[in-house]
Amino acid sequence: MLIVTHGGIIRLLLARLTEGVTFYTVAAPAPGEVTVLNLRKDEGAWRMMPREV
């Protein structure tokens, strides 16, 4: 699935899915940057999966 959105929304998702960071402390994507989030629904909640290299 491909979702194209404003960086603020990506920042909000990162803040909600990453422990220990907030909207104001998570790194914001640079303009035109591609951010890939691997998500999985686990026990009714969305969790970020580690990236495969």
PDB file of N, CA and C in Angstrom:
ATOM      1  N   MET A   1       0.848  -1.146   0.000  1.00  0.00           N
ATOM      2  CA  MET A   1       0.000   0.000   0.000  1.00  0.00           C
ATOM      3  C   MET A   1       0.907   1.226   0.000  1.00  0.00           C
ATOM      4  N   LEU A   2       0.568   2.223  -0.746  1.00  0.00           N
ATOM      5  CA  LEU A   2       1.319   3.473  -0.794  1.00  0.00           C
ATOM      6  C   LEU A   2       0.433   4.595  -0.294  1.00  0.00           C
ATOM      7  N   ILE A   3       0.940   5.341   0.664  1.00  0.00           N
ATOM      8  CA  ILE A   3       0.224   6.508   1.171  1.00  0.00           C
ATOM      9  C   ILE A   3       1.154   7.705   1.030  1.00  0.00           C
ATOM     10  N   VAL A   4       0.683   8.747   0.395  1.00  0.00           N
ATOM     11  CA  VAL A   4       1.454   9.972   0.254  1.00  0.00           C
ATOM     12  C   VAL A   4       0.799  11.011   1.147  1.00  0.00           C
ATOM     13  N   THR A   5       1.595  11.619   2.024  1.00  0.00           N
ATOM     14  CA  THR A   5       1.020  12.542   2.992  1.00  0.00           C
ATOM     15  C   THR A   5       2.019  13.614   3.378  1.00  0.00           C
ATOM     16  N   HIS A   6       1.560  14.568   4.117  1.00  0.00           N
ATOM     17  CA  HIS A   6       2.370  15.662   4.649  1.00  0.00           C
ATOM     18  C   HIS A   6       3.290  15.117   5.744  1.00  0.00           C
ATOM     19  N   GLY A   7       4.469  15.670   5.880  1.00  0.00           N
ATOM     20  CA  GLY A   7       5.443  15.212   6.867  1.00  0.00           C
ATOM     21  C   GLY A   7       4.936  15.229   8.299  1.00  0.00           C
ATOM     22  N   GLY A   8       4.024  16.130   8.606  1.00  0.00           N
ATOM     23  CA  GLY A   8       3.479  16.205   9.965  1.00  0.00           C
ATOM     24  C   GLY A   8       2.720  14.944  10.344  1.00  0.00           C
ATOM     25  N   ILE A   9       2.022  14.351   9.385  1.00  0.00           N
ATOM     26  CA  ILE A   9       1.286  13.118   9.645  1.00  0.00           C
ATOM     27  C   ILE A   9       2.262  11.961   9.865  1.00  0.00           C
ATOM     28  N   ILE A  10       3.317  11.906   9.062  1.00  0.00           N
ATOM     29  CA  ILE A  10       4.334  10.868   9.248  1.00  0.00           C
ATOM     30  C   ILE A  10       4.973  11.030  10.623  1.00  0.00           C
ATOM     31  N   ARG A  11       5.248  12.260  10.990  1.00  0.00           N
ATOM     32  CA  ARG A  11       5.841  12.544  12.305  1.00  0.00           C
ATOM     33  C   ARG A  11       4.914  12.092  13.435  1.00  0.00           C
ATOM     34  N   LEU A  12       3.624  12.336  13.294  1.00  0.00           N
ATOM     35  CA  LEU A  12       2.647  11.914  14.301  1.00  0.00           C
ATOM     36  C   LEU A  12       2.618  10.388  14.412  1.00  0.00           C
ATOM     37  N   LEU A  13       2.610   9.691  13.268  1.00  0.00           N
ATOM     38  CA  LEU A  13       2.625   8.229  13.296  1.00  0.00           C
ATOM     39  C   LEU A  13       3.885   7.703  13.974  1.00  0.00           C
ATOM     40  N   LEU A  14       5.032   8.269  13.631  1.00  0.00           N
ATOM     41  CA  LEU A  14       6.282   7.844  14.260  1.00  0.00           C
ATOM     42  C   LEU A  14       6.248   8.057  15.771  1.00  0.00           C
ATOM     43  N   ALA A  15       5.704   9.190  16.200  1.00  0.00           N
ATOM     44  CA  ALA A  15       5.643   9.495  17.635  1.00  0.00           C
ATOM     45  C   ALA A  15       4.725   8.520  18.372  1.00  0.00           C
ATOM     46  N   ARG A  16       3.631   8.137  17.735  1.00  0.00           N
ATOM     47  CA  ARG A  16       2.687   7.223  18.396  1.00  0.00           C
ATOM     48  C   ARG A  16       3.159   5.773  18.391  1.00  0.00           C
ATOM     49  N   LEU A  17       4.004   5.417  17.414  1.00  0.00           N
ATOM     50  CA  LEU A  17       4.427   4.029  17.277  1.00  0.00           C
ATOM     51  C   LEU A  17       5.807   3.749  17.847  1.00  0.00           C
ATOM     52  N   THR A  18       6.524   4.776  18.271  1.00  0.00           N
ATOM     53  CA  THR A  18       7.875   4.599  18.784  1.00  0.00           C
ATOM     54  C   THR A  18       7.903   4.978  20.259  1.00  0.00           C
ATOM     55  N   GLU A  19       8.346   4.067  21.099  1.00  0.00           N
ATOM     56  CA  GLU A  19       8.406   4.346  22.526  1.00  0.00           C
ATOM     57  C   GLU A  19       9.478   5.392  22.828  1.00  0.00           C
ATOM     58  N   GLY A  20       9.195   6.265  23.773  1.00  0.00           N
ATOM     59  CA  GLY A  20      10.178   7.213  24.263  1.00  0.00           C
ATOM     60  C   GLY A  20      10.322   8.495  23.465  1.00  0.00           C
ATOM     61  N   VAL A  21       9.483   8.690  22.445  1.00  0.00           N
ATOM     62  CA  VAL A  21       9.540   9.944  21.693  1.00  0.00           C
ATOM     63  C   VAL A  21       8.152  10.572  21.649  1.00  0.00           C
ATOM     64  N   THR A  22       8.127  11.868  21.404  1.00  0.00           N
ATOM     65  CA  THR A  22       6.871  12.594  21.248  1.00  0.00           C
ATOM     66  C   THR A  22       6.860  13.249  19.870  1.00  0.00           C
ATOM     67  N   PHE A  23       5.751  13.865  19.520  1.00  0.00           N
ATOM     68  CA  PHE A  23       5.644  14.572  18.243  1.00  0.00           C
ATOM     69  C   PHE A  23       6.757  15.611  18.108  1.00  0.00           C
ATOM     70  N   TYR A  24       7.117  16.229  19.205  1.00  0.00           N
ATOM     71  CA  TYR A  24       8.113  17.306  19.165  1.00  0.00           C
ATOM     72  C   TYR A  24       9.559  16.816  19.215  1.00  0.00           C
ATOM     73  N   THR A  25       9.774  15.555  19.622  1.00  0.00           N
ATOM     74  CA  THR A  25      11.143  15.053  19.698  1.00  0.00           C
ATOM     75  C   THR A  25      11.503  14.090  18.570  1.00  0.00           C
ATOM     76  N   VAL A  26      10.518  13.544  17.867  1.00  0.00           N
ATOM     77  CA  VAL A  26      10.805  12.636  16.753  1.00  0.00           C
ATOM     78  C   VAL A  26      11.325  13.453  15.570  1.00  0.00           C
ATOM     79  N   ALA A  27      12.259  12.890  14.825  1.00  0.00           N
ATOM     80  CA  ALA A  27      12.834  13.583  13.673  1.00  0.00           C
ATOM     81  C   ALA A  27      11.790  13.719  12.570  1.00  0.00           C
ATOM     82  N   ALA A  28      11.620  14.930  12.073  1.00  0.00           N
ATOM     83  CA  ALA A  28      10.685  15.181  10.985  1.00  0.00           C
ATOM     84  C   ALA A  28      11.359  14.851   9.656  1.00  0.00           C
ATOM     85  N   PRO A  29      10.625  14.218   8.739  1.00  0.00           N
ATOM     86  CA  PRO A  29      11.220  13.950   7.427  1.00  0.00           C
ATOM     87  C   PRO A  29      11.489  15.267   6.689  1.00  0.00           C
ATOM     88  N   ALA A  30      12.570  15.289   5.920  1.00  0.00           N
ATOM     89  CA  ALA A  30      12.904  16.473   5.129  1.00  0.00           C
ATOM     90  C   ALA A  30      11.924  16.585   3.959  1.00  0.00           C
ATOM     91  N   PRO A  31      11.706  17.795   3.435  1.00  0.00           N
ATOM     92  CA  PRO A  31      10.812  17.956   2.281  1.00  0.00           C
ATOM     93  C   PRO A  31      11.259  17.073   1.110  1.00  0.00           C
ATOM     94  N   GLY A  32      10.331  16.329   0.553  1.00  0.00           N
ATOM     95  CA  GLY A  32      10.613  15.462  -0.583  1.00  0.00           C
ATOM     96  C   GLY A  32      11.243  14.130  -0.214  1.00  0.00           C
ATOM     97  N   GLU A  33      11.460  13.905   1.076  1.00  0.00           N
ATOM     98  CA  GLU A  33      12.079  12.664   1.530  1.00  0.00           C
ATOM     99  C   GLU A  33      11.054  11.532   1.553  1.00  0.00           C
ATOM    100  N   VAL A  34      11.524  10.329   1.304  1.00  0.00           N
ATOM    101  CA  VAL A  34      10.661   9.145   1.367  1.00  0.00           C
ATOM    102  C   VAL A  34      10.874   8.480   2.723  1.00  0.00           C
ATOM    103  N   THR A  35       9.786   8.195   3.412  1.00  0.00           N
ATOM    104  CA  THR A  35       9.843   7.495   4.685  1.00  0.00           C
ATOM    105  C   THR A  35       9.025   6.216   4.547  1.00  0.00           C
ATOM    106  N   VAL A  36       9.627   5.078   4.864  1.00  0.00           N
ATOM    107  CA  VAL A  36       8.941   3.792   4.766  1.00  0.00           C
ATOM    108  C   VAL A  36       8.681   3.285   6.175  1.00  0.00           C
ATOM    109  N   LEU A  37       7.422   3.000   6.468  1.00  0.00           N
ATOM    110  CA  LEU A  37       7.039   2.439   7.761  1.00  0.00           C
ATOM    111  C   LEU A  37       6.501   1.035   7.521  1.00  0.00           C
ATOM    112  N   ASN A  38       7.073   0.055   8.182  1.00  0.00           N
ATOM    113  CA  ASN A  38       6.567  -1.319   8.119  1.00  0.00           C
ATOM    114  C   ASN A  38       5.713  -1.545   9.355  1.00  0.00           C
ATOM    115  N   LEU A  39       4.400  -1.670   9.142  1.00  0.00           N
ATOM    116  CA  LEU A  39       3.464  -1.798  10.258  1.00  0.00           C
ATOM    117  C   LEU A  39       2.774  -3.152  10.225  1.00  0.00           C
ATOM    118  N   ARG A  40       2.432  -3.638  11.414  1.00  0.00           N
ATOM    119  CA  ARG A  40       1.683  -4.887  11.541  1.00  0.00           C
ATOM    120  C   ARG A  40       0.668  -4.715  12.668  1.00  0.00           C
ATOM    121  N   LYS A  41      -0.541  -5.185  12.429  1.00  0.00           N
ATOM    122  CA  LYS A  41      -1.563  -5.134  13.476  1.00  0.00           C
ATOM    123  C   LYS A  41      -1.365  -6.345  14.370  1.00  0.00           C
ATOM    124  N   ASP A  42      -1.103  -6.086  15.641  1.00  0.00           N
ATOM    125  CA  ASP A  42      -0.787  -7.135  16.599  1.00  0.00           C
ATOM    126  C   ASP A  42      -1.650  -6.950  17.837  1.00  0.00           C
ATOM    127  N   GLU A  43      -2.510  -7.910  18.111  1.00  0.00           N
ATOM    128  CA  GLU A  43      -3.412  -7.860  19.270  1.00  0.00           C
ATOM    129  C   GLU A  43      -4.229  -6.574  19.304  1.00  0.00           C
ATOM    130  N   GLY A  44      -4.727  -6.161  18.149  1.00  0.00           N
ATOM    131  CA  GLY A  44      -5.590  -4.989  18.061  1.00  0.00           C
ATOM    132  C   GLY A  44      -4.876  -3.657  18.011  1.00  0.00           C
ATOM    133  N   ALA A  45      -3.552  -3.647  18.055  1.00  0.00           N
ATOM    134  CA  ALA A  45      -2.793  -2.395  18.011  1.00  0.00           C
ATOM    135  C   ALA A  45      -1.773  -2.467  16.876  1.00  0.00           C
ATOM    136  N   TRP A  46      -1.511  -1.324  16.246  1.00  0.00           N
ATOM    137  CA  TRP A  46      -0.516  -1.265  15.190  1.00  0.00           C
ATOM    138  C   TRP A  46       0.865  -1.140  15.808  1.00  0.00           C
ATOM    139  N   ARG A  47       1.793  -1.927  15.301  1.00  0.00           N
ATOM    140  CA  ARG A  47       3.176  -1.917  15.786  1.00  0.00           C
ATOM    141  C   ARG A  47       4.119  -1.748  14.602  1.00  0.00           C
ATOM    142  N   MET A  48       5.213  -1.011  14.839  1.00  0.00           N
ATOM    143  CA  MET A  48       6.199  -0.819  13.803  1.00  0.00           C
ATOM    144  C   MET A  48       7.131  -2.024  13.794  1.00  0.00           C
ATOM    145  N   MET A  49       7.365  -2.567  12.617  1.00  0.00           N
ATOM    146  CA  MET A  49       8.232  -3.729  12.453  1.00  0.00           C
ATOM    147  C   MET A  49       9.638  -3.237  12.080  1.00  0.00           C
ATOM    148  N   PRO A  50      10.664  -3.986  12.478  1.00  0.00           N
ATOM    149  CA  PRO A  50      12.032  -3.602  12.100  1.00  0.00           C
ATOM    150  C   PRO A  50      12.189  -3.650  10.577  1.00  0.00           C
ATOM    151  N   ARG A  51      12.971  -2.716  10.045  1.00  0.00           N
ATOM    152  CA  ARG A  51      13.233  -2.693   8.609  1.00  0.00           C
ATOM    153  C   ARG A  51      14.203  -3.788   8.233  1.00  0.00           C
ATOM    154  N   GLU A  52      13.935  -4.424   7.104  1.00  0.00           N
ATOM    155  CA  GLU A  52      14.848  -5.427   6.574  1.00  0.00           C
ATOM    156  C   GLU A  52      15.861  -4.705   5.693  1.00  0.00           C
ATOM    157  N   VAL A  53      17.133  -5.050   5.861  1.00  0.00           N
ATOM    158  CA  VAL A  53      18.178  -4.387   5.072  1.00  0.00           C
ATOM    159  C   VAL A  53      18.621  -5.292   3.963  1.00  0.00           C
TER     160      VAL A  53
END
